[in-house]
C-alpha atoms as a PDB file:
ATOM      1  CA  MET A   1     -12.283   6.028 -45.266  1.00  0.00           C
ATOM      2  CA  ASP A   2      -9.357   6.137 -42.833  1.00  0.00           C
ATOM      3  CA  ASN A   3     -10.247   6.200 -39.129  1.00  0.00           C
ATOM      4  CA  ASP A   4      -7.610   8.639 -37.866  1.00  0.00           C
ATOM      5  CA  ASP A   5      -7.598   8.935 -34.060  1.00  0.00           C
ATOM      6  CA  THR A   6      -6.652  12.621 -34.289  1.00  0.00           C
ATOM      7  CA  THR A   7      -9.989  13.397 -35.930  1.00  0.00           C
ATOM      8  CA  THR A   8     -11.987  11.338 -33.437  1.00  0.00           C
ATOM      9  CA  PRO A   9     -10.474  12.166 -30.046  1.00  0.00           C
ATOM     10  CA  PHE A  10     -13.218  10.493 -27.979  1.00  0.00           C
ATOM     11  CA  VAL A  11     -13.496   7.248 -29.900  1.00  0.00           C
ATOM     12  CA  LYS A  12     -11.733   4.173 -28.581  1.00  0.00           C
ATOM     13  CA  ARG A  13     -10.699   5.682 -25.268  1.00  0.00           C
ATOM     14  CA  PRO A  14     -10.050   3.287 -22.383  1.00  0.00           C
ATOM     15  CA  ILE A  15     -12.398   3.278 -19.403  1.00  0.00           C
ATOM     16  CA  GLY A  16      -9.556   4.757 -17.321  1.00  0.00           C
ATOM     17  CA  TYR A  17      -9.626   7.846 -19.545  1.00  0.00           C
ATOM     18  CA  TRP A  18     -13.298   8.371 -18.769  1.00  0.00           C
ATOM     19  CA  GLY A  19     -12.760   7.720 -15.069  1.00  0.00           C
ATOM     20  CA  VAL A  20      -9.968  10.284 -14.908  1.00  0.00           C
ATOM     21  CA  THR A  21     -11.539  12.987 -17.052  1.00  0.00           C
ATOM     22  CA  VAL A  22     -15.042  12.710 -15.578  1.00  0.00           C
ATOM     23  CA  PHE A  23     -13.736  12.784 -11.995  1.00  0.00           C
ATOM     24  CA  MET A  24     -11.508  15.767 -12.777  1.00  0.00           C
ATOM     25  CA  SER A  25     -14.335  17.578 -14.600  1.00  0.00           C
ATOM     26  CA  LEU A  26     -16.722  17.125 -11.682  1.00  0.00           C
ATOM     27  CA  SER A  27     -13.942  18.245  -9.361  1.00  0.00           C
ATOM     28  CA  VAL A  28     -13.480  21.493 -11.282  1.00  0.00           C
ATOM     29  CA  VAL A  29     -17.175  22.315 -10.888  1.00  0.00           C
ATOM     30  CA  LEU A  30     -17.093  21.512  -7.162  1.00  0.00           C
ATOM     31  CA  LEU A  31     -13.840  23.428  -6.652  1.00  0.00           C
ATOM     32  CA  VAL A  32     -15.105  26.553  -8.398  1.00  0.00           C
ATOM     33  CA  LEU A  33     -18.377  26.512  -6.431  1.00  0.00           C
ATOM     34  CA  GLY A  34     -16.938  25.520  -3.070  1.00  0.00           C
ATOM     35  CA  GLN A  35     -13.446  26.927  -3.086  1.00  0.00           C
ATOM     36  CA  SER A  36     -13.181  29.842  -5.508  1.00  0.00           C
ATOM     37  CA  MET A  37     -16.516  31.199  -4.329  1.00  0.00           C
ATOM     38  CA  ALA A  38     -15.289  30.992  -0.713  1.00  0.00           C
ATOM     39  CA  LEU A  39     -12.708  33.633  -1.567  1.00  0.00           C
ATOM     40  CA  LEU A  40     -15.393  35.973  -2.858  1.00  0.00           C
ATOM     41  CA  ASP A  41     -18.286  35.246  -0.516  1.00  0.00           C
ATOM     42  CA  TYR A  42     -17.648  32.694   2.225  1.00  0.00           C
ATOM     43  CA  ASP A  43     -21.205  32.951   3.583  1.00  0.00           C
ATOM     44  CA  PHE A  44     -22.595  32.044   0.155  1.00  0.00           C
ATOM     45  CA  THR A  45     -20.586  28.814   0.113  1.00  0.00           C
ATOM     46  CA  VAL A  46     -21.845  28.048   3.623  1.00  0.00           C
ATOM     47  CA  ARG A  47     -25.420  28.479   2.375  1.00  0.00           C
ATOM     48  CA  LEU A  48     -24.613  26.120  -0.506  1.00  0.00           C
ATOM     49  CA  GLY A  49     -23.366  23.588   2.052  1.00  0.00           C
ATOM     50  CA  MET A  50     -19.865  23.631   0.572  1.00  0.00           C
ATOM     51  CA  GLN A  51     -18.068  25.230   3.530  1.00  0.00           C
ATOM     52  CA  GLU A  52     -18.531  25.007   7.279  1.00  0.00           C
ATOM     53  CA  ASP A  53     -20.218  27.701   9.337  1.00  0.00           C
ATOM     54  CA  ILE A  54     -18.062  30.021  11.451  1.00  0.00           C
ATOM     55  CA  LYS A  55     -20.111  28.985  14.505  1.00  0.00           C
ATOM     56  CA  LYS A  56     -18.753  25.443  14.185  1.00  0.00           C
ATOM     57  CA  ILE A  57     -15.160  26.073  13.102  1.00  0.00           C
ATOM     58  CA  GLY A  58     -14.394  29.529  14.485  1.00  0.00           C
ATOM     59  CA  ASP A  59     -12.666  32.472  12.818  1.00  0.00           C
ATOM     60  CA  PHE A  60      -9.410  30.531  12.579  1.00  0.00           C
ATOM     61  CA  GLY A  61     -11.136  27.641  10.781  1.00  0.00           C
ATOM     62  CA  VAL A  62     -12.721  29.993   8.253  1.00  0.00           C
ATOM     63  CA  GLN A  63      -9.339  31.511   7.424  1.00  0.00           C
ATOM     64  CA  ILE A  64      -7.773  28.051   7.049  1.00  0.00           C
ATOM     65  CA  ASN A  65     -10.595  27.109   4.675  1.00  0.00           C
ATOM     66  CA  ARG A  66     -10.049  30.317   2.725  1.00  0.00           C
ATOM     67  CA  ALA A  67      -6.303  29.598   2.533  1.00  0.00           C
ATOM     68  CA  PHE A  68      -7.040  26.176   1.031  1.00  0.00           C
ATOM     69  CA  ALA A  69      -9.523  27.887  -1.298  1.00  0.00           C
ATOM     70  CA  ALA A  70      -6.831  30.285  -2.510  1.00  0.00           C
ATOM     71  CA  GLY A  71      -4.404  27.441  -3.179  1.00  0.00           C
ATOM     72  CA  ASP A  72      -7.080  25.470  -4.998  1.00  0.00           C
ATOM     73  CA  THR A  73      -8.079  28.477  -7.086  1.00  0.00           C
ATOM     74  CA  LEU A  74      -4.531  29.446  -8.044  1.00  0.00           C
ATOM     75  CA  ILE A  75      -2.960  25.989  -8.481  1.00  0.00           C
ATOM     76  CA  TYR A  76      -5.303  22.988  -8.287  1.00  0.00           C
ATOM     77  CA  ILE A  77      -8.109  24.229 -10.571  1.00  0.00           C
ATOM     78  CA  PRO A  78      -5.853  25.481 -13.408  1.00  0.00           C
ATOM     79  CA  LEU A  79      -3.756  22.306 -13.208  1.00  0.00           C
ATOM     80  CA  THR A  80      -6.878  20.157 -13.354  1.00  0.00           C
ATOM     81  CA  VAL A  81      -8.300  22.108 -16.300  1.00  0.00           C
ATOM     82  CA  ALA A  82      -4.951  21.854 -18.116  1.00  0.00           C
ATOM     83  CA  SER A  83      -4.919  18.105 -17.474  1.00  0.00           C
ATOM     84  CA  ILE A  84      -8.411  17.626 -18.872  1.00  0.00           C
ATOM     85  CA  ILE A  85      -7.594  19.651 -21.975  1.00  0.00           C
ATOM     86  CA  GLY A  86      -4.272  17.882 -22.449  1.00  0.00           C
ATOM     87  CA  LEU A  87      -5.816  14.430 -22.094  1.00  0.00           C
ATOM     88  CA  CYS A  88      -8.568  15.327 -24.566  1.00  0.00           C
ATOM     89  CA  MET A  89      -5.890  16.502 -27.018  1.00  0.00           C
ATOM     90  CA  LYS A  90      -3.753  13.401 -26.330  1.00  0.00           C
ATOM     91  CA  LYS A  91      -0.753  15.434 -25.183  1.00  0.00           C
ATOM     92  CA  LYS A  92       2.094  13.660 -23.413  1.00  0.00           C
ATOM     93  CA  TRP A  93       2.536  16.523 -20.910  1.00  0.00           C
ATOM     94  CA  ALA A  94      -1.005  15.849 -19.679  1.00  0.00           C
ATOM     95  CA  LEU A  95       0.294  12.704 -17.985  1.00  0.00           C
ATOM     96  CA  LEU A  96       2.547  14.884 -15.816  1.00  0.00           C
ATOM     97  CA  THR A  97      -0.126  17.420 -14.962  1.00  0.00           C
ATOM     98  CA  SER A  98      -2.572  14.602 -14.254  1.00  0.00           C
ATOM     99  CA  ALA A  99      -0.069  12.979 -11.896  1.00  0.00           C
ATOM    100  CA  ALA A 100       0.232  16.316 -10.083  1.00  0.00           C
ATOM    101  CA  VAL A 101      -3.575  16.503  -9.813  1.00  0.00           C
ATOM    102  CA  MET A 102      -3.679  12.964  -8.398  1.00  0.00           C
ATOM    103  CA  GLY A 103      -1.026  13.849  -5.833  1.00  0.00           C
ATOM    104  CA  ILE A 104      -2.813  17.025  -4.786  1.00  0.00           C
ATOM    105  CA  SER A 105      -6.124  15.147  -4.565  1.00  0.00           C
ATOM    106  CA  THR A 106      -4.664  12.554  -2.228  1.00  0.00           C
ATOM    107  CA  TYR A 107      -2.758  15.125  -0.197  1.00  0.00           C
ATOM    108  CA  TRP A 108      -5.605  17.562   0.499  1.00  0.00           C
ATOM    109  CA  ALA A 109      -8.076  14.790   1.311  1.00  0.00           C
ATOM    110  CA  THR A 110      -5.641  13.101   3.693  1.00  0.00           C
ATOM    111  CA  THR A 111      -4.857  16.453   5.343  1.00  0.00           C
ATOM    112  CA  ALA A 112      -8.569  17.197   5.768  1.00  0.00           C
ATOM    113  CA  ALA A 113      -9.217  13.769   7.275  1.00  0.00           C
ATOM    114  CA  PHE A 114      -6.479  14.229   9.853  1.00  0.00           C
ATOM    115  CA  ALA A 115      -7.535  17.817  10.554  1.00  0.00           C
ATOM    116  CA  PHE A 116     -11.032  16.593  11.439  1.00  0.00           C
ATOM    117  CA  TRP A 117      -9.514  13.964  13.689  1.00  0.00           C
ATOM    118  CA  PHE A 118      -7.002  16.289  15.395  1.00  0.00           C
ATOM    119  CA  LEU A 119      -9.483  19.168  15.811  1.00  0.00           C
ATOM    120  CA  ASP A 120     -12.013  17.064  17.707  1.00  0.00           C
ATOM    121  CA  GLY A 121     -12.342  18.638  21.145  1.00  0.00           C
ATOM    122  CA  VAL A 122     -10.354  21.803  20.380  1.00  0.00           C
ATOM    123  CA  PRO A 123     -11.991  24.848  22.062  1.00  0.00           C
ATOM    124  CA  GLY A 124     -14.005  26.921  19.581  1.00  0.00           C
ATOM    125  CA  TYR A 125     -14.262  24.022  17.128  1.00  0.00           C
ATOM    126  CA  SER A 126     -17.446  21.958  17.233  1.00  0.00           C
ATOM    127  CA  PHE A 127     -17.797  20.718  13.665  1.00  0.00           C
ATOM    128  CA  VAL A 128     -18.315  16.975  13.406  1.00  0.00           C
ATOM    129  CA  PRO A 129     -18.132  15.684   9.839  1.00  0.00           C
ATOM    130  CA  GLY A 130     -20.896  13.308   8.859  1.00  0.00           C
ATOM    131  CA  VAL A 131     -20.703  10.177   6.747  1.00  0.00           C
ATOM    132  CA  ASP A 132     -21.089  12.302   3.606  1.00  0.00           C
ATOM    133  CA  TYR A 133     -17.820  14.098   4.405  1.00  0.00           C
ATOM    134  CA  TRP A 134     -15.970  10.821   4.932  1.00  0.00           C
ATOM    135  CA  ILE A 135     -17.313   9.408   1.660  1.00  0.00           C
ATOM    136  CA  PHE A 136     -16.286  12.582  -0.174  1.00  0.00           C
ATOM    137  CA  ILE A 137     -12.814  12.652   1.383  1.00  0.00           C
ATOM    138  CA  SER A 138     -12.311   8.919   0.856  1.00  0.00           C
ATOM    139  CA  SER A 139     -13.281   9.208  -2.811  1.00  0.00           C
ATOM    140  CA  TYR A 140     -10.483  11.745  -3.357  1.00  0.00           C
ATOM    141  CA  ILE A 141      -7.943   9.611  -1.516  1.00  0.00           C
ATOM    142  CA  VAL A 142      -8.919   6.525  -3.521  1.00  0.00           C
ATOM    143  CA  PHE A 143      -9.071   8.488  -6.791  1.00  0.00           C
ATOM    144  CA  GLY A 144      -5.658  10.013  -6.199  1.00  0.00           C
ATOM    145  CA  ILE A 145      -3.947   6.756  -5.270  1.00  0.00           C
ATOM    146  CA  TRP A 146      -5.662   4.808  -8.053  1.00  0.00           C
ATOM    147  CA  GLY A 147      -4.834   7.602 -10.514  1.00  0.00           C
ATOM    148  CA  ILE A 148      -1.156   7.633  -9.658  1.00  0.00           C
ATOM    149  CA  TYR A 149      -0.885   3.867 -10.100  1.00  0.00           C
ATOM    150  CA  TYR A 150      -2.939   4.029 -13.286  1.00  0.00           C
ATOM    151  CA  LEU A 151      -0.649   6.698 -14.699  1.00  0.00           C
ATOM    152  CA  ILE A 152       2.456   4.711 -13.768  1.00  0.00           C
ATOM    153  CA  TYR A 153       1.299   1.430 -15.284  1.00  0.00           C
ATOM    154  CA  ARG A 154      -1.204   2.398 -17.973  1.00  0.00           C
ATOM    155  CA  GLY A 155      -0.945   6.168 -18.401  1.00  0.00           C
ATOM    156  CA  VAL A 156       0.280   5.973 -21.968  1.00  0.00           C
ATOM    157  CA  TYR A 157      -3.139   4.546 -22.957  1.00  0.00           C
ATOM    158  CA  LEU A 158      -4.781   7.810 -21.907  1.00  0.00           C
ATOM    159  CA  ILE A 159      -3.118   9.659 -24.763  1.00  0.00           C
ATOM    160  CA  LYS A 160      -3.124   6.992 -27.530  1.00  0.00           C
END
């Protein structure tokens, strides 16, 4: 019996494949719950603990969060889903979409980190991110940077 990799797409995958696809899959779930839902019902996402309360970030902060949510819903989520599907199907184009996902991951997390820093002390803004926020943000920065380097140096192994 011939062991054809096209019939067993999940056999013999490198650990990097699992790191990338699991992180992206978890991200899709978090993005749909925390970002897409914020477009439909912002208060619901606050109750879930996935967005900040208007009392702490003000009306302006809520609209900024919703703007990020729109971008994530229209661009980041579909790109991430396409990447996961492409990697599972061993498609070469998935390396490009995955690189875009890594770049977006690093960019938004870095932007959020600096926003928290720059907004400290701004009138009408009293939100102070806890350690959990910094761990979450740092994980996306590390994932994005690691992912870009992984794709540059070992990306071809994700689709073999």
